Amino acid sequence: MGAPRMDFPTPYLTAAEAAAYLRLEESTLNAMRWRKEGPCWRKHGGRVVYHKDSLDFWSESRDSDPGNRPKKNGGHKNGKNDEQD
């Protein structure tokens, strides 16, 4: 039994989808989450998901030119992962 077909776009990506979006191995993204080094994530019904905007923000914040880094507060209104609220 596969995943249900979604006929609507969603900004929430699973860990596997987020890793592919960032061109990382899923195990790398999971390890980064454990070390609290990776992009912000949330839990929806026990499943870890990443919002596409958080992935983009995290990627942009890793720019080698500090002048190109975003000025927002961690991609979230409070700058924390949702799990830390």
Protein backbone atom coordinates (compact mmCIF):
# COMPACT_ATOMS: atom_id res chain seq x y z
CA MET A 1 0.00 0.00 0.00
CA GLY A 2 1.58 3.27 -1.13
CA ALA A 3 1.15 6.84 -0.01
CA PRO A 4 -2.21 8.40 -0.81
CA ARG A 5 -2.32 10.42 -4.00
CA MET A 6 -2.45 14.15 -3.34
CA ASP A 7 -4.33 16.24 -5.87
CA PHE A 8 -3.28 19.48 -4.21
CA PRO A 9 0.13 21.02 -3.72
CA THR A 10 1.50 21.00 -0.19
CA PRO A 11 4.36 23.06 1.22
CA TYR A 12 5.11 20.29 3.74
CA LEU A 13 7.72 17.75 2.71
CA THR A 14 8.62 14.47 4.37
CA ALA A 15 12.22 13.94 5.46
CA ALA A 16 12.89 11.96 2.26
CA GLU A 17 11.35 14.68 0.07
CA ALA A 18 13.16 17.45 1.97
CA ALA A 19 16.48 15.66 1.62
CA ALA A 20 15.93 15.25 -2.11
CA TYR A 21 14.94 18.93 -2.40
CA LEU A 22 18.19 19.96 -0.68
CA ARG A 23 20.18 17.29 -2.56
CA LEU A 24 21.22 15.60 0.69
CA GLU A 25 21.02 12.02 1.81
CA GLU A 26 18.03 11.43 4.06
CA SER A 27 20.39 10.02 6.71
CA THR A 28 22.37 13.30 6.62
CA LEU A 29 19.21 15.35 7.15
CA ASN A 30 18.13 13.05 9.99
CA ALA A 31 21.54 13.34 11.67
CA MET A 32 21.43 17.12 11.33
CA ARG A 33 18.00 17.14 12.99
CA TRP A 34 19.33 15.09 15.93
CA ARG A 35 22.25 17.51 16.31
CA LYS A 36 19.89 20.51 15.95
CA GLU A 37 21.96 21.78 13.03
CA GLY A 38 19.57 21.46 10.12
CA PRO A 39 16.51 23.28 8.87
CA CYS A 40 13.47 23.88 11.09
CA TRP A 41 11.04 20.98 11.19
CA ARG A 42 7.63 20.12 12.64
CA LYS A 43 5.71 17.04 13.61
CA HIS A 44 2.35 16.37 12.03
CA GLY A 45 0.71 13.36 13.66
CA GLY A 46 4.06 11.95 14.69
CA ARG A 47 5.63 12.43 11.25
CA VAL A 48 8.53 14.84 10.83
CA VAL A 49 7.85 17.33 8.05
CA TYR A 50 9.70 20.34 6.70
CA HIS A 51 8.04 23.44 5.29
CA LYS A 52 9.49 24.38 1.92
CA ASP A 53 10.04 27.99 3.06
CA SER A 54 12.12 26.74 6.03
CA LEU A 55 14.26 24.66 3.67
CA ASP A 56 14.81 27.65 1.40
CA PHE A 57 15.66 29.89 4.36
CA TRP A 58 18.11 27.34 5.79
CA SER A 59 19.78 26.90 2.41
CA GLU A 60 20.06 30.66 1.88
CA SER A 61 21.52 31.08 5.37
CA ARG A 62 24.38 28.78 4.36
CA ASP A 63 25.48 31.09 1.54
CA SER A 64 29.25 31.51 1.50
CA ASP A 65 28.82 35.28 1.06
CA PRO A 66 27.50 36.74 4.35
CA GLY A 67 26.03 39.68 2.44
CA ASN A 68 23.63 37.30 0.69
CA ARG A 69 22.32 35.68 3.87
CA PRO A 70 18.69 36.35 4.79
CA LYS A 71 17.96 38.71 7.68
CA LYS A 72 14.85 36.92 8.98
CA ASN A 73 14.69 35.28 12.41
CA GLY A 74 15.50 31.62 11.69
CA GLY A 75 12.65 31.10 9.24
CA HIS A 76 10.13 31.10 12.08
CA LYS A 77 8.46 33.89 13.99
CA ASN A 78 10.33 32.92 17.18
CA GLY A 79 13.50 31.49 15.62
CA LYS A 80 12.96 28.03 17.17
CA ASN A 81 11.89 24.64 15.94
CA ASP A 82 8.20 24.03 16.59
CA GLU A 83 9.14 21.20 18.95
CA GLN A 84 10.83 23.70 21.28
CA ASP A 85 7.72 25.91 21.75
